[in-house]
Amino acid sequence: MTTIERLVQIGVWVIAAAAVIFLLTPLVVTVAVSFGNSAVFSLPPPEWSLRWYERLANTRGLWPSILTSLQIAGLSTLISLVFGTLCAIAIVRGTFPGREAITTFLVSPLMLPGLVVGIAMLQGFRLVGLREAWTSLLIAHVVITMPYVVRTVLAALNLFDFTLLDAARMLGCSPVQAVRRVLVPALGPAFLTSGMFAFLASMDNYPVSIFFTDAWTKTLPIQMLQYVEERPDPTIAAISAGLILLAVIVMIIGDRLVGLRRLADF
């Protein structure tokens, strides 16, 4: 390795390390503040304490919002996995014109600002007379989570050899058995990867959810915004630390089941 190549490699590692530090510092600060006993955001905290975590049990509206977020995220992820996979298969195996335009349309919510998507869906729901908050939230979250499924499953299908299905049929499998025994296991990592990202994106979504909540139906991010407006204390940091822990747990599960390197391939 020449001196220039060595210097370039060192420069790449320095830039990568700086990017990691820049991205992780807010998370570390949030977790550290949540373990302080100060009533204001201070770092380092005067003393370490679990005061704000103990307060979560009696925080008004927290647990209903968590339950709502889990229900919406779980259902929207499941629906997106089903419909997103069907759309991806149709795009890969179909011969109809305009497939690339349809693909772009399906992933377009990732390209548009969340507020734009939220306003557009709000107007659309009003036109069709849909005003029920929970149903509106579910449909909106399906729209924002399906692109993760479509894009990931499309990448997996492009790497899949569909002649394996024909081989399974020749060996005596029915069409359903061939899909279940050959296609589904091959797409398992893609399902897991897209499901993870879709679930976390739904749990963390704010710009779209804000248009479809009411006084009785609030997701966790909307409830957290209300806490910030009413009483900006480190309780919000404790809730944020819980969301960080959720993301870490999801990544650990993905690593155990598939492996982070394989997840990154999608």
Protein backbone atom coordinates (compact mmCIF):
# COMPACT_ATOMS: atom_id res chain seq x y z
CA MET A 1 0.00 0.00 0.00
CA THR A 2 1.43 3.36 -1.03
CA THR A 3 1.64 6.40 1.23
CA ILE A 4 -1.18 8.15 -0.61
CA GLU A 5 -3.44 5.10 -0.31
CA ARG A 6 -2.64 4.85 3.41
CA LEU A 7 -3.45 8.52 3.92
CA VAL A 8 -6.72 8.14 2.01
CA GLN A 9 -7.68 5.13 4.14
CA ILE A 10 -6.90 7.04 7.34
CA GLY A 11 -8.94 9.98 6.08
CA VAL A 12 -11.91 7.73 5.34
CA TRP A 13 -11.79 6.22 8.83
CA VAL A 14 -11.52 9.67 10.42
CA ILE A 15 -14.54 10.93 8.48
CA ALA A 16 -16.51 7.79 9.31
CA ALA A 17 -15.66 8.10 13.01
CA ALA A 18 -16.63 11.78 13.03
CA ALA A 19 -19.98 10.94 11.37
CA VAL A 20 -20.68 8.21 13.94
CA ILE A 21 -19.85 10.54 16.84
CA PHE A 22 -22.01 13.30 15.34
CA LEU A 23 -24.99 10.95 14.98
CA LEU A 24 -24.66 9.16 18.34
CA THR A 25 -23.90 12.15 20.57
CA PRO A 26 -27.56 13.34 20.80
CA LEU A 27 -28.62 9.81 21.77
CA VAL A 28 -25.96 9.55 24.47
CA VAL A 29 -26.89 12.98 25.83
CA THR A 30 -30.58 12.05 25.93
CA VAL A 31 -29.94 8.84 27.84
CA ALA A 32 -27.55 10.57 30.25
CA VAL A 33 -30.04 13.36 31.01
CA SER A 34 -32.79 10.80 31.69
CA PHE A 35 -30.76 9.36 34.58
CA GLY A 36 -30.25 12.72 36.31
CA ASN A 37 -32.25 14.07 39.25
CA SER A 38 -32.33 17.67 38.04
CA ALA A 39 -35.73 19.13 37.12
CA VAL A 40 -34.15 20.80 34.09
CA PHE A 41 -32.02 19.42 31.29
CA SER A 42 -28.47 19.53 32.62
CA LEU A 43 -25.35 17.61 31.66
CA PRO A 44 -23.58 16.31 33.59
CA PRO A 45 -26.48 15.91 36.06
CA PRO A 46 -25.89 16.92 39.71
CA GLU A 47 -26.74 13.38 40.83
CA TRP A 48 -27.70 10.13 39.17
CA SER A 49 -31.26 8.95 39.77
CA LEU A 50 -34.16 6.89 38.40
CA ARG A 51 -36.57 9.66 39.33
CA TRP A 52 -37.88 10.29 35.82
CA TYR A 53 -38.32 6.60 35.03
CA GLU A 54 -40.34 6.13 38.22
CA ARG A 55 -42.49 9.06 37.19
CA LEU A 56 -43.44 7.37 33.91
CA ALA A 57 -45.84 5.02 35.72
CA ASN A 58 -48.05 7.97 36.71
CA THR A 59 -47.60 10.16 33.63
CA ARG A 60 -50.99 11.16 32.31
CA GLY A 61 -51.84 9.77 28.88
CA LEU A 62 -48.53 7.97 28.37
CA TRP A 63 -49.64 4.35 28.41
CA PRO A 64 -52.73 4.82 26.21
CA SER A 65 -50.54 6.59 23.63
CA ILE A 66 -47.97 3.77 23.77
CA LEU A 67 -50.73 1.21 23.26
CA THR A 68 -52.12 3.19 20.33
CA SER A 69 -48.68 3.47 18.74
CA LEU A 70 -47.99 -0.26 19.15
CA GLN A 71 -51.37 -1.18 17.66
CA ILE A 72 -50.99 1.18 14.70
CA ALA A 73 -47.36 0.20 14.08
CA GLY A 74 -48.04 -3.53 14.31
CA LEU A 75 -51.12 -3.52 12.09
CA SER A 76 -49.69 -1.12 9.52
CA THR A 77 -46.50 -3.19 9.30
CA LEU A 78 -48.47 -6.40 8.80
CA ILE A 79 -50.71 -4.86 6.14
CA SER A 80 -47.72 -3.30 4.39
CA LEU A 81 -45.88 -6.63 4.33
CA VAL A 82 -48.83 -8.33 2.65
CA PHE A 83 -49.72 -5.67 0.09
CA GLY A 84 -46.15 -4.48 -0.43
CA THR A 85 -44.97 -8.00 -1.21
CA LEU A 86 -47.84 -8.56 -3.65
CA CYS A 87 -47.04 -5.26 -5.38
CA ALA A 88 -43.33 -6.15 -5.59
CA ILE A 89 -44.09 -9.57 -7.11
CA ALA A 90 -46.44 -7.98 -9.64
CA ILE A 91 -43.79 -5.44 -10.64
CA VAL A 92 -41.02 -8.04 -11.01
CA ARG A 93 -43.07 -10.76 -12.72
CA GLY A 94 -45.56 -8.63 -14.61
CA THR A 95 -45.23 -7.59 -18.24
CA PHE A 96 -47.57 -4.60 -18.20
CA PRO A 97 -46.36 -1.13 -19.28
CA GLY A 98 -45.52 1.57 -16.76
CA ARG A 99 -43.95 -0.69 -14.15
CA GLU A 100 -41.20 1.81 -13.36
CA ALA A 101 -43.74 4.59 -12.92
CA ILE A 102 -45.74 2.39 -10.53
CA THR A 103 -42.58 1.57 -8.58
CA THR A 104 -41.76 5.26 -8.24
CA PHE A 105 -45.33 5.97 -7.13
CA LEU A 106 -45.21 3.25 -4.46
CA VAL A 107 -41.97 4.57 -2.92
CA SER A 108 -42.85 8.26 -3.40
CA PRO A 109 -43.86 8.81 0.28
CA LEU A 110 -40.16 8.39 1.12
CA MET A 111 -39.25 11.19 -1.29
CA LEU A 112 -41.81 13.74 -0.12
CA PRO A 113 -41.78 15.77 3.11
CA GLY A 114 -43.98 14.21 5.78
CA LEU A 115 -46.05 17.36 6.16
CA VAL A 116 -46.86 17.33 2.43
CA VAL A 117 -47.95 13.69 2.61
CA GLY A 118 -50.01 14.37 5.73
CA ILE A 119 -51.84 17.36 4.24
CA ALA A 120 -52.55 15.47 1.02
CA MET A 121 -53.99 12.48 2.89
CA LEU A 122 -56.02 14.74 5.18
CA GLN A 123 -57.66 16.38 2.19
CA GLY A 124 -58.24 13.00 0.56
CA PHE A 125 -59.84 11.54 3.68
CA ARG A 126 -62.13 14.55 3.98
CA LEU A 127 -63.26 14.13 0.38
CA VAL A 128 -64.29 10.51 1.00
CA GLY A 129 -65.86 11.37 4.37
CA LEU A 130 -63.37 9.49 6.57
CA ARG A 131 -63.13 11.33 9.88
CA GLU A 132 -62.54 8.53 12.41
CA ALA A 133 -59.10 9.14 13.97
CA TRP A 134 -57.95 5.55 14.56
CA THR A 135 -58.84 4.34 11.07
CA SER A 136 -57.29 7.43 9.50
CA LEU A 137 -54.09 6.84 11.45
CA LEU A 138 -53.92 3.22 10.36
CA ILE A 139 -54.40 4.02 6.66
CA ALA A 140 -51.90 6.89 6.85
CA HIS A 141 -49.29 4.66 8.48
CA VAL A 142 -49.81 1.97 5.86
CA VAL A 143 -49.03 4.60 3.23
CA ILE A 144 -45.79 5.66 4.96
CA THR A 145 -44.61 2.13 5.82
CA MET A 146 -45.38 0.33 2.54
CA PRO A 147 -42.46 1.97 0.64
CA TYR A 148 -39.99 0.26 3.00
CA VAL A 149 -41.52 -3.11 2.17
CA VAL A 150 -41.80 -2.52 -1.58
CA ARG A 151 -38.26 -1.29 -1.97
CA THR A 152 -36.70 -4.05 0.15
CA VAL A 153 -38.73 -6.93 -1.30
CA LEU A 154 -38.09 -5.66 -4.84
CA ALA A 155 -34.35 -5.85 -4.19
CA ALA A 156 -34.70 -9.40 -2.87
CA LEU A 157 -36.90 -10.52 -5.77
CA ASN A 158 -34.43 -9.18 -8.31
CA LEU A 159 -31.85 -11.55 -6.79
CA PHE A 160 -34.22 -14.53 -6.67
CA ASP A 161 -34.11 -17.24 -9.35
CA PHE A 162 -37.75 -17.90 -10.23
CA THR A 163 -36.82 -21.12 -12.04
CA LEU A 164 -36.58 -22.64 -8.56
CA LEU A 165 -40.38 -22.38 -8.35
CA ASP A 166 -40.68 -24.29 -11.62
CA ALA A 167 -38.29 -26.91 -10.29
CA ALA A 168 -40.37 -27.29 -7.15
CA ARG A 169 -43.51 -27.70 -9.28
CA MET A 170 -41.79 -30.42 -11.32
CA LEU A 171 -40.88 -32.24 -8.12
CA GLY A 172 -44.54 -32.45 -7.12
CA CYS A 173 -45.25 -29.25 -5.20
CA SER A 174 -48.46 -27.37 -5.80
CA PRO A 175 -48.18 -23.65 -6.65
CA VAL A 176 -48.97 -22.74 -3.04
CA GLN A 177 -46.48 -25.28 -1.68
CA ALA A 178 -43.77 -24.05 -4.06
CA VAL A 179 -44.25 -20.47 -2.88
CA ARG A 180 -44.34 -21.51 0.78
CA ARG A 181 -41.32 -23.82 0.64
CA VAL A 182 -39.10 -21.95 -1.82
CA LEU A 183 -40.05 -18.29 -2.21
CA VAL A 184 -41.03 -17.42 1.36
CA PRO A 185 -37.79 -18.75 2.96
CA ALA A 186 -35.73 -16.94 0.34
CA LEU A 187 -37.53 -13.67 1.08
CA GLY A 188 -37.44 -14.16 4.86
CA PRO A 189 -34.54 -11.73 5.44
CA ALA A 190 -36.24 -9.12 3.24
CA PHE A 191 -39.49 -9.52 5.19
CA LEU A 192 -37.65 -9.09 8.48
CA THR A 193 -35.62 -6.10 7.30
CA SER A 194 -38.56 -4.24 5.80
CA GLY A 195 -40.78 -5.11 8.77
CA MET A 196 -38.22 -3.73 11.21
CA PHE A 197 -37.85 -0.44 9.36
CA ALA A 198 -41.60 -0.13 8.79
CA PHE A 199 -42.39 -0.75 12.47
CA LEU A 200 -39.80 1.74 13.71
CA ALA A 201 -40.86 4.33 11.12
CA SER A 202 -44.46 4.02 12.27
CA MET A 203 -43.58 4.22 15.97
CA ASP A 204 -41.48 7.34 15.39
CA ASN A 205 -43.71 9.14 12.89
CA TYR A 206 -44.78 12.65 13.79
CA PRO A 207 -45.36 14.84 10.69
CA VAL A 208 -48.11 12.63 9.26
CA SER A 209 -49.66 11.45 12.54
CA ILE A 210 -50.27 14.98 13.78
CA PHE A 211 -53.03 15.47 11.17
CA PHE A 212 -55.07 12.45 12.29
CA THR A 213 -55.03 12.48 16.09
CA ASP A 214 -57.68 13.81 18.41
CA ALA A 215 -58.11 14.23 22.16
CA TRP A 216 -58.76 10.49 22.64
CA THR A 217 -56.46 8.95 20.03
CA LYS A 218 -52.83 10.02 20.19
CA THR A 219 -49.66 8.26 19.17
CA LEU A 220 -46.59 8.40 21.37
CA PRO A 221 -44.72 11.10 19.36
CA ILE A 222 -47.77 13.38 19.50
CA GLN A 223 -48.13 12.77 23.24
CA MET A 224 -44.44 13.57 23.71
CA LEU A 225 -44.91 16.88 21.89
CA GLN A 226 -47.73 17.72 24.31
CA TYR A 227 -45.45 16.96 27.27
CA VAL A 228 -42.78 19.29 25.87
CA GLU A 229 -45.34 22.09 25.54
CA GLU A 230 -46.86 21.54 29.00
CA ARG A 231 -43.86 20.66 31.19
CA PRO A 232 -40.43 20.44 29.55
CA ASP A 233 -38.67 18.25 32.14
CA PRO A 234 -36.43 15.15 31.73
CA THR A 235 -39.49 12.88 31.66
CA ILE A 236 -39.37 13.33 27.90
CA ALA A 237 -35.74 12.17 27.95
CA ALA A 238 -36.77 8.99 29.79
CA ILE A 239 -39.43 8.28 27.16
CA SER A 240 -36.90 8.95 24.40
CA ALA A 241 -34.45 6.57 26.05
CA GLY A 242 -37.17 3.91 25.91
CA LEU A 243 -37.60 4.48 22.17
CA ILE A 244 -33.83 4.20 21.71
CA LEU A 245 -33.91 0.93 23.65
CA LEU A 246 -36.73 -0.32 21.40
CA ALA A 247 -34.64 0.37 18.29
CA VAL A 248 -31.65 -1.42 19.83
CA ILE A 249 -33.78 -4.45 20.73
CA VAL A 250 -35.20 -4.62 17.20
CA MET A 251 -31.68 -4.50 15.75
CA ILE A 252 -30.48 -7.22 18.13
CA ILE A 253 -33.41 -9.45 17.13
CA GLY A 254 -32.61 -8.86 13.46
CA ASP A 255 -28.95 -9.66 14.06
CA ARG A 256 -29.82 -12.90 15.86
CA LEU A 257 -32.31 -14.06 13.23
CA VAL A 258 -30.58 -12.95 10.04
CA GLY A 259 -27.38 -11.05 10.79
CA LEU A 260 -26.66 -7.36 10.37
CA ARG A 261 -24.43 -7.92 7.35
CA ARG A 262 -27.22 -9.70 5.47
CA LEU A 263 -29.73 -7.09 6.59
CA ALA A 264 -27.49 -4.38 5.15
CA ASP A 265 -27.54 -6.13 1.76
CA PHE A 266 -31.15 -5.01 1.29
